[in-house]
Amino acid sequence: MVTERDSDARVPDWWRGLGLPGLIDLHVHFLPERMERRVWHHFHHGGPLMGDGWPITYEWPVERRVERLRELGVRSFPALAYAHRPGMAADLNEWTLGFARRTPGCLPSATFFPEPGAGKYVGAALDDGARIFKVHLQVGAFDPRVPELDEVWGLLAEAGVPVVVHASSIPVPGGYVGEEPISGVLRRHPRLRVVIAHMGMPEYDPFFELAARYERVALDTTMAFTDFSERAMPFPERLRPALLDLGLAGKVVLGSDFPTIPYPYAHQLDALARLDLGDDWLRAVCWSNGMAMI
């Protein structure tokens, strides 16, 4: 039986074989303990549209998870948190920014929610060094086009920091998902640096078009191309040329969803390699594209 340790032990040799100094993963989660327990409970038990949920490969104490990222050679990663109701984003930002200060390799990250004062605490997070933001339109169930967020989007566009946006309908439909809500934001703020989580699966086509249309829109690889995702949401073969072009143009970045994944971290990298898009593409996706954003 191949364990996650056996599988992950191969990762440093994999990126060294590409001539890389390591990996940059822009979709990693570390959360306050109480919130993390609730998230893991949700994924363990699923729901009406998630079936029985899935096992979490790295349901470990935080120190062990940080050490595993270090063993894998992940040189930069965020602690992406996201608010699902008013009144929690500022506190989450205090936690994630503090976590980054005490965790080598962790990118300072922040989030926001449509509420009075959002522009003020987003500005404060930027002043405190935030280099990446995360919002989850499905879990948050908010429309990103609401007037309360116009100041926030403007601040982020001006700062040029990436915003990882979960805008697609996985794991369950709901909220303001699909291409149109975030597209509406981009029409008002075309310089916004948006990273579409999970490559927009299963709505691949419209999100690929969005990445091609806007200079600063990119896609992350989180859970895409893995055996787990391919069973229910196979990547369309017709988009392979666009995937190659976008990756080489700096518009595809490595994401994993570590630790809440039902397979070893190494499998995400194996899934990218078996696309057979070439070593230049892998080097761009796993290192240089992410480096250019942060």
C-alpha atoms as a PDB file:
ATOM      1  CA  MET A   1       0.000   0.000   0.000  1.00  0.00           C
ATOM      2  CA  VAL A   2       1.361   3.427  -1.001  1.00  0.00           C
ATOM      3  CA  THR A   3       0.890   5.949   1.814  1.00  0.00           C
ATOM      4  CA  GLU A   4       0.727   9.712   1.531  1.00  0.00           C
ATOM      5  CA  ARG A   5       4.252   9.853   2.995  1.00  0.00           C
ATOM      6  CA  ASP A   6       5.594   7.484   0.327  1.00  0.00           C
ATOM      7  CA  SER A   7       3.889   9.504  -2.384  1.00  0.00           C
ATOM      8  CA  ASP A   8       4.872  12.929  -1.057  1.00  0.00           C
ATOM      9  CA  ALA A   9       8.489  11.866  -0.568  1.00  0.00           C
ATOM     10  CA  ARG A  10       8.874  11.922  -4.361  1.00  0.00           C
ATOM     11  CA  VAL A  11       7.847  15.575  -4.695  1.00  0.00           C
ATOM     12  CA  PRO A  12      11.238  17.288  -4.115  1.00  0.00           C
ATOM     13  CA  ASP A  13      12.867  15.100  -6.773  1.00  0.00           C
ATOM     14  CA  TRP A  14       9.985  16.004  -9.110  1.00  0.00           C
ATOM     15  CA  TRP A  15      10.497  19.769  -8.922  1.00  0.00           C
ATOM     16  CA  ARG A  16      14.289  19.443  -8.882  1.00  0.00           C
ATOM     17  CA  GLY A  17      13.975  17.479 -12.116  1.00  0.00           C
ATOM     18  CA  LEU A  18      12.309  20.539 -13.631  1.00  0.00           C
ATOM     19  CA  GLY A  19      15.151  22.753 -12.428  1.00  0.00           C
ATOM     20  CA  LEU A  20      12.920  24.579  -9.934  1.00  0.00           C
ATOM     21  CA  PRO A  21      13.864  25.857  -6.466  1.00  0.00           C
ATOM     22  CA  GLY A  22      10.579  24.540  -5.073  1.00  0.00           C
ATOM     23  CA  LEU A  23       6.852  25.145  -5.493  1.00  0.00           C
ATOM     24  CA  ILE A  24       4.542  28.130  -5.051  1.00  0.00           C
ATOM     25  CA  ASP A  25       1.026  27.064  -4.078  1.00  0.00           C
ATOM     26  CA  LEU A  26      -1.540  29.886  -4.008  1.00  0.00           C
ATOM     27  CA  HIS A  27      -4.488  27.849  -2.710  1.00  0.00           C
ATOM     28  CA  VAL A  28      -3.719  26.533   0.787  1.00  0.00           C
ATOM     29  CA  HIS A  29      -5.919  26.866   3.878  1.00  0.00           C
ATOM     30  CA  PHE A  30      -5.039  27.401   7.518  1.00  0.00           C
ATOM     31  CA  LEU A  31      -7.932  28.554   9.701  1.00  0.00           C
ATOM     32  CA  PRO A  32      -8.646  29.382  13.333  1.00  0.00           C
ATOM     33  CA  GLU A  33      -9.092  26.074  15.146  1.00  0.00           C
ATOM     34  CA  ARG A  34     -12.852  26.295  15.762  1.00  0.00           C
ATOM     35  CA  MET A  35     -13.558  27.310  12.176  1.00  0.00           C
ATOM     36  CA  GLU A  36     -11.281  24.594  10.851  1.00  0.00           C
ATOM     37  CA  ARG A  37     -13.086  21.903  12.838  1.00  0.00           C
ATOM     38  CA  ARG A  38     -16.396  23.019  11.350  1.00  0.00           C
ATOM     39  CA  VAL A  39     -15.022  22.998   7.802  1.00  0.00           C
ATOM     40  CA  TRP A  40     -13.571  19.519   8.255  1.00  0.00           C
ATOM     41  CA  HIS A  41     -16.840  18.266   9.745  1.00  0.00           C
ATOM     42  CA  HIS A  42     -18.646  19.565   6.654  1.00  0.00           C
ATOM     43  CA  PHE A  43     -16.335  17.747   4.268  1.00  0.00           C
ATOM     44  CA  HIS A  44     -16.422  14.560   6.311  1.00  0.00           C
ATOM     45  CA  HIS A  45     -20.185  14.368   6.339  1.00  0.00           C
ATOM     46  CA  GLY A  46     -21.089  15.979   3.039  1.00  0.00           C
ATOM     47  CA  GLY A  47     -24.629  17.097   2.442  1.00  0.00           C
ATOM     48  CA  PRO A  48     -27.563  16.703   0.064  1.00  0.00           C
ATOM     49  CA  LEU A  49     -25.388  17.251  -3.024  1.00  0.00           C
ATOM     50  CA  MET A  50     -22.012  16.106  -1.687  1.00  0.00           C
ATOM     51  CA  GLY A  51     -22.967  12.528  -0.933  1.00  0.00           C
ATOM     52  CA  ASP A  52     -20.927  11.097   1.921  1.00  0.00           C
ATOM     53  CA  GLY A  53     -18.259  13.791   1.734  1.00  0.00           C
ATOM     54  CA  TRP A  54     -14.601  12.800   1.487  1.00  0.00           C
ATOM     55  CA  PRO A  55     -11.671  11.880   3.713  1.00  0.00           C
ATOM     56  CA  ILE A  56      -9.185  14.636   4.552  1.00  0.00           C
ATOM     57  CA  THR A  57      -5.691  13.333   3.912  1.00  0.00           C
ATOM     58  CA  TYR A  58      -3.955  15.947   6.059  1.00  0.00           C
ATOM     59  CA  GLU A  59      -6.280  16.242   9.053  1.00  0.00           C
ATOM     60  CA  TRP A  60      -3.294  16.887  11.267  1.00  0.00           C
ATOM     61  CA  PRO A  61      -2.208  19.405  13.915  1.00  0.00           C
ATOM     62  CA  VAL A  62      -1.172  22.705  12.392  1.00  0.00           C
ATOM     63  CA  GLU A  63       2.536  22.285  13.125  1.00  0.00           C
ATOM     64  CA  ARG A  64       2.645  18.966  11.311  1.00  0.00           C
ATOM     65  CA  ARG A  65       0.878  20.449   8.294  1.00  0.00           C
ATOM     66  CA  VAL A  66       3.329  23.329   8.083  1.00  0.00           C
ATOM     67  CA  GLU A  67       6.184  20.847   8.334  1.00  0.00           C
ATOM     68  CA  ARG A  68       4.720  18.737   5.517  1.00  0.00           C
ATOM     69  CA  LEU A  69       4.573  21.774   3.209  1.00  0.00           C
ATOM     70  CA  ARG A  70       8.202  22.448   4.069  1.00  0.00           C
ATOM     71  CA  GLU A  71       9.120  18.810   3.302  1.00  0.00           C
ATOM     72  CA  LEU A  72       7.305  19.031  -0.029  1.00  0.00           C
ATOM     73  CA  GLY A  73       9.299  22.134  -0.947  1.00  0.00           C
ATOM     74  CA  VAL A  74       6.368  24.556  -1.000  1.00  0.00           C
ATOM     75  CA  ARG A  75       8.290  27.807  -0.587  1.00  0.00           C
ATOM     76  CA  SER A  76       5.295  30.166  -0.567  1.00  0.00           C
ATOM     77  CA  PHE A  77       1.704  29.499   0.437  1.00  0.00           C
ATOM     78  CA  PRO A  78      -1.183  31.522   1.935  1.00  0.00           C
ATOM     79  CA  ALA A  79      -3.480  30.737   4.852  1.00  0.00           C
ATOM     80  CA  LEU A  80      -6.650  31.457   2.889  1.00  0.00           C
ATOM     81  CA  ALA A  81      -9.674  32.174   5.072  1.00  0.00           C
ATOM     82  CA  TYR A  82     -13.016  33.510   3.893  1.00  0.00           C
ATOM     83  CA  ALA A  83     -15.942  35.157   5.640  1.00  0.00           C
ATOM     84  CA  HIS A  84     -19.432  33.690   5.290  1.00  0.00           C
ATOM     85  CA  ARG A  85     -21.360  36.330   7.247  1.00  0.00           C
ATOM     86  CA  PRO A  86     -21.006  39.965   8.332  1.00  0.00           C
ATOM     87  CA  GLY A  87     -18.774  40.888  11.219  1.00  0.00           C
ATOM     88  CA  MET A  88     -16.130  38.191  10.916  1.00  0.00           C
ATOM     89  CA  ALA A  89     -13.751  39.257   8.128  1.00  0.00           C
ATOM     90  CA  ALA A  90     -11.731  41.767  10.168  1.00  0.00           C
ATOM     91  CA  ASP A  91     -11.099  39.178  12.904  1.00  0.00           C
ATOM     92  CA  LEU A  92     -10.153  36.549  10.324  1.00  0.00           C
ATOM     93  CA  ASN A  93      -7.687  39.003   8.802  1.00  0.00           C
ATOM     94  CA  GLU A  94      -6.089  39.601  12.167  1.00  0.00           C
ATOM     95  CA  TRP A  95      -5.670  35.826  12.555  1.00  0.00           C
ATOM     96  CA  THR A  96      -4.331  35.077   9.045  1.00  0.00           C
ATOM     97  CA  LEU A  97      -1.921  38.014   9.088  1.00  0.00           C
ATOM     98  CA  GLY A  98      -0.674  36.917  12.514  1.00  0.00           C
ATOM     99  CA  PHE A  99      -0.303  33.341  11.296  1.00  0.00           C
ATOM    100  CA  ALA A 100       1.830  34.557   8.379  1.00  0.00           C
ATOM    101  CA  ARG A 101       4.072  36.586  10.679  1.00  0.00           C
ATOM    102  CA  ARG A 102       4.904  33.530  12.779  1.00  0.00           C
ATOM    103  CA  THR A 103       5.046  30.970   9.938  1.00  0.00           C
ATOM    104  CA  PRO A 104       8.012  31.075   7.539  1.00  0.00           C
ATOM    105  CA  GLY A 105       6.919  30.841   3.911  1.00  0.00           C
ATOM    106  CA  CYS A 106       3.321  31.862   4.595  1.00  0.00           C
ATOM    107  CA  LEU A 107       2.031  34.749   2.483  1.00  0.00           C
ATOM    108  CA  PRO A 108       0.034  37.352   4.411  1.00  0.00           C
ATOM    109  CA  SER A 109      -3.596  36.859   3.354  1.00  0.00           C
ATOM    110  CA  ALA A 110      -6.973  38.458   4.035  1.00  0.00           C
ATOM    111  CA  THR A 111     -10.650  38.328   3.121  1.00  0.00           C
ATOM    112  CA  PHE A 112     -13.730  40.582   3.059  1.00  0.00           C
ATOM    113  CA  PHE A 113     -17.531  40.563   3.045  1.00  0.00           C
ATOM    114  CA  PRO A 114     -20.084  43.107   1.752  1.00  0.00           C
ATOM    115  CA  GLU A 115     -20.706  45.150   4.891  1.00  0.00           C
ATOM    116  CA  PRO A 116     -20.154  48.652   6.267  1.00  0.00           C
ATOM    117  CA  GLY A 117     -16.475  49.265   6.902  1.00  0.00           C
ATOM    118  CA  ALA A 118     -15.207  46.660   4.414  1.00  0.00           C
ATOM    119  CA  GLY A 119     -13.101  49.225   2.582  1.00  0.00           C
ATOM    120  CA  LYS A 120     -11.557  50.352   5.866  1.00  0.00           C
ATOM    121  CA  TYR A 121     -10.468  46.895   7.040  1.00  0.00           C
ATOM    122  CA  VAL A 122      -9.290  45.860   3.556  1.00  0.00           C
ATOM    123  CA  GLY A 123      -7.178  49.015   3.428  1.00  0.00           C
ATOM    124  CA  ALA A 124      -5.817  48.198   6.877  1.00  0.00           C
ATOM    125  CA  ALA A 125      -4.956  44.653   5.783  1.00  0.00           C
ATOM    126  CA  LEU A 126      -3.101  45.993   2.763  1.00  0.00           C
ATOM    127  CA  ASP A 127      -1.214  48.420   4.998  1.00  0.00           C
ATOM    128  CA  ASP A 128      -0.386  45.456   7.262  1.00  0.00           C
ATOM    129  CA  GLY A 129       1.225  43.616   4.355  1.00  0.00           C
ATOM    130  CA  ALA A 130      -1.567  41.446   2.884  1.00  0.00           C
ATOM    131  CA  ARG A 131      -0.372  40.044  -0.450  1.00  0.00           C
ATOM    132  CA  ILE A 132      -3.298  37.804  -1.393  1.00  0.00           C
ATOM    133  CA  PHE A 133      -7.051  37.800  -0.672  1.00  0.00           C
ATOM    134  CA  LYS A 134      -9.749  35.111  -0.801  1.00  0.00           C
ATOM    135  CA  VAL A 135     -13.520  35.233  -1.240  1.00  0.00           C
ATOM    136  CA  HIS A 136     -15.940  32.341  -1.647  1.00  0.00           C
ATOM    137  CA  LEU A 137     -19.047  33.510  -3.491  1.00  0.00           C
ATOM    138  CA  GLN A 138     -20.848  30.229  -2.936  1.00  0.00           C
ATOM    139  CA  VAL A 139     -20.263  29.887   0.803  1.00  0.00           C
ATOM    140  CA  GLY A 140     -20.618  33.631   1.385  1.00  0.00           C
ATOM    141  CA  ALA A 141     -23.755  33.707  -0.777  1.00  0.00           C
ATOM    142  CA  PHE A 142     -23.170  37.315  -1.799  1.00  0.00           C
ATOM    143  CA  ASP A 143     -23.179  39.146  -5.098  1.00  0.00           C
ATOM    144  CA  PRO A 144     -19.698  40.557  -5.756  1.00  0.00           C
ATOM    145  CA  ARG A 145     -21.258  43.396  -7.788  1.00  0.00           C
ATOM    146  CA  VAL A 146     -22.993  45.026  -4.807  1.00  0.00           C
ATOM    147  CA  PRO A 147     -22.165  48.724  -4.248  1.00  0.00           C
ATOM    148  CA  GLU A 148     -20.733  47.974  -0.780  1.00  0.00           C
ATOM    149  CA  LEU A 149     -17.789  46.217  -2.434  1.00  0.00           C
ATOM    150  CA  ASP A 150     -16.961  48.732  -5.147  1.00  0.00           C
ATOM    151  CA  GLU A 151     -14.431  50.510  -2.922  1.00  0.00           C
ATOM    152  CA  VAL A 152     -12.853  47.166  -1.975  1.00  0.00           C
ATOM    153  CA  TRP A 153     -12.431  46.020  -5.568  1.00  0.00           C
ATOM    154  CA  GLY A 154     -10.956  49.401  -6.429  1.00  0.00           C
ATOM    155  CA  LEU A 155      -8.418  49.179  -3.616  1.00  0.00           C
ATOM    156  CA  LEU A 156      -7.374  45.680  -4.664  1.00  0.00           C
ATOM    157  CA  ALA A 157      -7.106  46.614  -8.342  1.00  0.00           C
ATOM    158  CA  GLU A 158      -4.896  49.562  -7.440  1.00  0.00           C
ATOM    159  CA  ALA A 159      -2.730  47.438  -5.138  1.00  0.00           C
ATOM    160  CA  GLY A 160      -2.369  44.714  -7.792  1.00  0.00           C
ATOM    161  CA  VAL A 161      -2.639  41.902  -5.246  1.00  0.00           C
ATOM    162  CA  PRO A 162      -4.278  38.638  -6.386  1.00  0.00           C
ATOM    163  CA  VAL A 163      -7.760  37.750  -5.153  1.00  0.00           C
ATOM    164  CA  VAL A 164      -8.540  34.028  -5.211  1.00  0.00           C
ATOM    165  CA  VAL A 165     -12.246  33.854  -6.041  1.00  0.00           C
ATOM    166  CA  HIS A 166     -14.297  30.686  -5.712  1.00  0.00           C
ATOM    167  CA  ALA A 167     -16.850  31.541  -8.391  1.00  0.00           C
ATOM    168  CA  SER A 168     -17.963  28.146  -9.717  1.00  0.00           C
ATOM    169  CA  SER A 169     -20.717  25.794  -8.583  1.00  0.00           C
ATOM    170  CA  ILE A 170     -18.637  23.129  -6.807  1.00  0.00           C
ATOM    171  CA  PRO A 171     -18.928  21.437  -4.383  1.00  0.00           C
ATOM    172  CA  VAL A 172     -22.637  22.382  -4.338  1.00  0.00           C
ATOM    173  CA  PRO A 173     -24.562  24.949  -6.418  1.00  0.00           C
ATOM    174  CA  GLY A 174     -25.620  28.089  -4.605  1.00  0.00           C
ATOM    175  CA  GLY A 175     -24.701  31.685  -4.069  1.00  0.00           C
ATOM    176  CA  TYR A 176     -23.720  34.015  -6.889  1.00  0.00           C
ATOM    177  CA  VAL A 177     -21.684  31.555  -8.918  1.00  0.00           C
ATOM    178  CA  GLY A 178     -20.883  31.259 -12.576  1.00  0.00           C
ATOM    179  CA  GLU A 179     -18.973  33.629 -14.813  1.00  0.00           C
ATOM    180  CA  GLU A 180     -21.393  36.573 -14.885  1.00  0.00           C
ATOM    181  CA  PRO A 181     -21.175  37.906 -11.297  1.00  0.00           C
ATOM    182  CA  ILE A 182     -17.368  38.197 -11.260  1.00  0.00           C
ATOM    183  CA  SER A 183     -17.392  39.305 -14.881  1.00  0.00           C
ATOM    184  CA  GLY A 184     -19.579  42.210 -13.806  1.00  0.00           C
ATOM    185  CA  VAL A 185     -16.924  43.215 -11.282  1.00  0.00           C
ATOM    186  CA  LEU A 186     -14.209  43.034 -13.930  1.00  0.00           C
ATOM    187  CA  ARG A 187     -16.150  45.258 -16.296  1.00  0.00           C
ATOM    188  CA  ARG A 188     -15.930  47.980 -13.634  1.00  0.00           C
ATOM    189  CA  HIS A 189     -12.387  47.089 -12.513  1.00  0.00           C
ATOM    190  CA  PRO A 190     -10.589  45.577 -15.521  1.00  0.00           C
ATOM    191  CA  ARG A 191      -7.163  45.794 -13.815  1.00  0.00           C
ATOM    192  CA  LEU A 192      -8.238  43.565 -10.935  1.00  0.00           C
ATOM    193  CA  ARG A 193      -5.943  40.568 -10.454  1.00  0.00           C
ATOM    194  CA  VAL A 194      -8.459  37.733 -10.062  1.00  0.00           C
ATOM    195  CA  VAL A 195      -7.439  34.081  -9.692  1.00  0.00           C
ATOM    196  CA  ILE A 196     -10.377  31.791 -10.459  1.00  0.00           C
ATOM    197  CA  ALA A 197     -10.250  28.852  -8.039  1.00  0.00           C
ATOM    198  CA  HIS A 198     -10.434  25.282  -9.364  1.00  0.00           C
ATOM    199  CA  MET A 199     -10.087  26.562 -12.966  1.00  0.00           C
ATOM    200  CA  GLY A 200     -13.793  27.336 -12.711  1.00  0.00           C
ATOM    201  CA  MET A 201     -14.789  23.675 -12.833  1.00  0.00           C
ATOM    202  CA  PRO A 202     -17.256  22.454 -13.900  1.00  0.00           C
ATOM    203  CA  GLU A 203     -17.935  25.687 -15.833  1.00  0.00           C
ATOM    204  CA  TYR A 204     -14.538  25.542 -17.540  1.00  0.00           C
ATOM    205  CA  ASP A 205     -15.394  27.271 -20.823  1.00  0.00           C
ATOM    206  CA  PRO A 206     -16.676  30.655 -19.602  1.00  0.00           C
ATOM    207  CA  PHE A 207     -13.889  31.037 -17.061  1.00  0.00           C
ATOM    208  CA  PHE A 208     -11.240  30.189 -19.656  1.00  0.00           C
ATOM    209  CA  GLU A 209     -12.779  32.885 -21.840  1.00  0.00           C
ATOM    210  CA  LEU A 210     -12.610  35.322 -18.928  1.00  0.00           C
ATOM    211  CA  ALA A 211      -8.918  34.578 -18.422  1.00  0.00           C
ATOM    212  CA  ALA A 212      -8.257  35.150 -22.105  1.00  0.00           C
ATOM    213  CA  ARG A 213     -10.226  38.418 -22.115  1.00  0.00           C
ATOM    214  CA  TYR A 214      -8.664  40.179 -19.113  1.00  0.00           C
ATOM    215  CA  GLU A 215      -4.933  40.744 -18.755  1.00  0.00           C
ATOM    216  CA  ARG A 216      -4.828  40.084 -15.005  1.00  0.00           C
ATOM    217  CA  VAL A 217      -7.281  37.182 -14.711  1.00  0.00           C
ATOM    218  CA  ALA A 218      -5.759  33.762 -14.059  1.00  0.00           C
ATOM    219  CA  LEU A 219      -6.888  30.242 -13.115  1.00  0.00           C
ATOM    220  CA  ASP A 220      -5.596  28.007 -10.331  1.00  0.00           C
ATOM    221  CA  THR A 221      -5.218  24.251 -10.693  1.00  0.00           C
ATOM    222  CA  THR A 222      -6.824  23.341  -7.366  1.00  0.00           C
ATOM    223  CA  MET A 223      -8.171  19.765  -7.578  1.00  0.00           C
ATOM    224  CA  ALA A 224      -8.384  20.030 -11.380  1.00  0.00           C
ATOM    225  CA  PHE A 225      -7.228  17.058 -13.492  1.00  0.00           C
ATOM    226  CA  THR A 226      -7.047  14.741 -10.451  1.00  0.00           C
ATOM    227  CA  ASP A 227      -8.690  11.327 -10.532  1.00  0.00           C
ATOM    228  CA  PHE A 228     -11.153  12.580  -7.921  1.00  0.00           C
ATOM    229  CA  SER A 229     -12.363  15.466 -10.095  1.00  0.00           C
ATOM    230  CA  GLU A 230     -12.094  13.772 -13.455  1.00  0.00           C
ATOM    231  CA  ARG A 231     -14.674  11.166 -12.455  1.00  0.00           C
ATOM    232  CA  ALA A 232     -17.467  13.731 -12.175  1.00  0.00           C
ATOM    233  CA  MET A 233     -16.108  16.851 -13.903  1.00  0.00           C
ATOM    234  CA  PRO A 234     -13.682  15.805 -16.641  1.00  0.00           C
ATOM    235  CA  PHE A 235     -11.604  18.551 -18.172  1.00  0.00           C
ATOM    236  CA  PRO A 236     -12.720  19.116 -21.788  1.00  0.00           C
ATOM    237  CA  GLU A 237     -10.108  17.985 -24.304  1.00  0.00           C
ATOM    238  CA  ARG A 238     -11.044  20.909 -26.547  1.00  0.00           C
ATOM    239  CA  LEU A 239      -9.555  23.320 -23.978  1.00  0.00           C
ATOM    240  CA  ARG A 240      -6.084  21.743 -23.923  1.00  0.00           C
ATOM    241  CA  PRO A 241      -4.626  24.263 -26.422  1.00  0.00           C
ATOM    242  CA  ALA A 242      -6.049  27.140 -24.370  1.00  0.00           C
ATOM    243  CA  LEU A 243      -4.679  25.587 -21.165  1.00  0.00           C
ATOM    244  CA  LEU A 244      -1.218  25.422 -22.725  1.00  0.00           C
ATOM    245  CA  ASP A 245      -1.373  28.997 -23.995  1.00  0.00           C
ATOM    246  CA  LEU A 246      -2.729  30.436 -20.745  1.00  0.00           C
ATOM    247  CA  GLY A 247      -0.109  28.645 -18.682  1.00  0.00           C
ATOM    248  CA  LEU A 248       2.754  29.922 -20.803  1.00  0.00           C
ATOM    249  CA  ALA A 249       1.221  33.413 -20.695  1.00  0.00           C
ATOM    250  CA  GLY A 250       1.340  33.512 -16.880  1.00  0.00           C
ATOM    251  CA  LYS A 251      -2.357  32.827 -16.392  1.00  0.00           C
ATOM    252  CA  VAL A 252      -2.357  29.409 -14.688  1.00  0.00           C
ATOM    253  CA  VAL A 253      -0.974  28.974 -11.160  1.00  0.00           C
ATOM    254  CA  LEU A 254      -0.546  26.001  -8.864  1.00  0.00           C
ATOM    255  CA  GLY A 255      -3.244  25.492  -6.255  1.00  0.00           C
ATOM    256  CA  SER A 256      -3.920  22.401  -4.136  1.00  0.00           C
ATOM    257  CA  ASP A 257      -6.579  23.024  -1.416  1.00  0.00           C
ATOM    258  CA  PHE A 258      -4.138  21.505   1.096  1.00  0.00           C
ATOM    259  CA  PRO A 259      -4.981  20.159   3.648  1.00  0.00           C
ATOM    260  CA  THR A 260      -8.634  19.423   2.795  1.00  0.00           C
ATOM    261  CA  ILE A 261      -8.015  17.022  -0.083  1.00  0.00           C
ATOM    262  CA  PRO A 262      -8.933  13.328  -0.428  1.00  0.00           C
ATOM    263  CA  TYR A 263      -5.573  12.236  -1.879  1.00  0.00           C
ATOM    264  CA  PRO A 264      -1.846  12.888  -1.315  1.00  0.00           C
ATOM    265  CA  TYR A 265      -0.480  16.288  -2.342  1.00  0.00           C
ATOM    266  CA  ALA A 266       1.756  14.556  -4.870  1.00  0.00           C
ATOM    267  CA  HIS A 267      -1.294  13.472  -6.875  1.00  0.00           C
ATOM    268  CA  GLN A 268      -2.063  17.079  -7.853  1.00  0.00           C
ATOM    269  CA  LEU A 269       1.414  17.347  -9.356  1.00  0.00           C
ATOM    270  CA  ASP A 270       1.108  13.962 -11.052  1.00  0.00           C
ATOM    271  CA  ALA A 271      -2.193  15.128 -12.556  1.00  0.00           C
ATOM    272  CA  LEU A 272      -0.469  18.198 -14.011  1.00  0.00           C
ATOM    273  CA  ALA A 273       2.442  16.195 -15.381  1.00  0.00           C
ATOM    274  CA  ARG A 274       0.234  13.664 -17.151  1.00  0.00           C
ATOM    275  CA  LEU A 275      -1.398  16.476 -19.138  1.00  0.00           C
ATOM    276  CA  ASP A 276       1.838  16.270 -21.156  1.00  0.00           C
ATOM    277  CA  LEU A 277       1.954  20.012 -21.837  1.00  0.00           C
ATOM    278  CA  GLY A 278       5.732  20.174 -21.476  1.00  0.00           C
ATOM    279  CA  ASP A 279       8.310  21.090 -18.861  1.00  0.00           C
ATOM    280  CA  ASP A 280       8.152  24.815 -19.683  1.00  0.00           C
ATOM    281  CA  TRP A 281       4.438  24.772 -18.872  1.00  0.00           C
ATOM    282  CA  LEU A 282       5.030  22.923 -15.590  1.00  0.00           C
ATOM    283  CA  ARG A 283       7.800  25.327 -14.583  1.00  0.00           C
ATOM    284  CA  ALA A 284       5.538  28.301 -15.301  1.00  0.00           C
ATOM    285  CA  VAL A 285       2.531  26.898 -13.443  1.00  0.00           C
ATOM    286  CA  CYS A 286       4.397  25.550 -10.428  1.00  0.00           C
ATOM    287  CA  TRP A 287       6.751  28.480  -9.899  1.00  0.00           C
ATOM    288  CA  SER A 288       7.171  31.488 -12.172  1.00  0.00           C
ATOM    289  CA  ASN A 289       3.521  32.424 -12.678  1.00  0.00           C
ATOM    290  CA  GLY A 290       2.872  32.425  -8.945  1.00  0.00           C
ATOM    291  CA  MET A 291       6.103  34.283  -8.254  1.00  0.00           C
ATOM    292  CA  ALA A 292       5.070  37.031 -10.673  1.00  0.00           C
ATOM    293  CA  MET A 293       1.819  37.574  -8.754  1.00  0.00           C
ATOM    294  CA  ILE A 294       3.210  37.784  -5.239  1.00  0.00           C
END
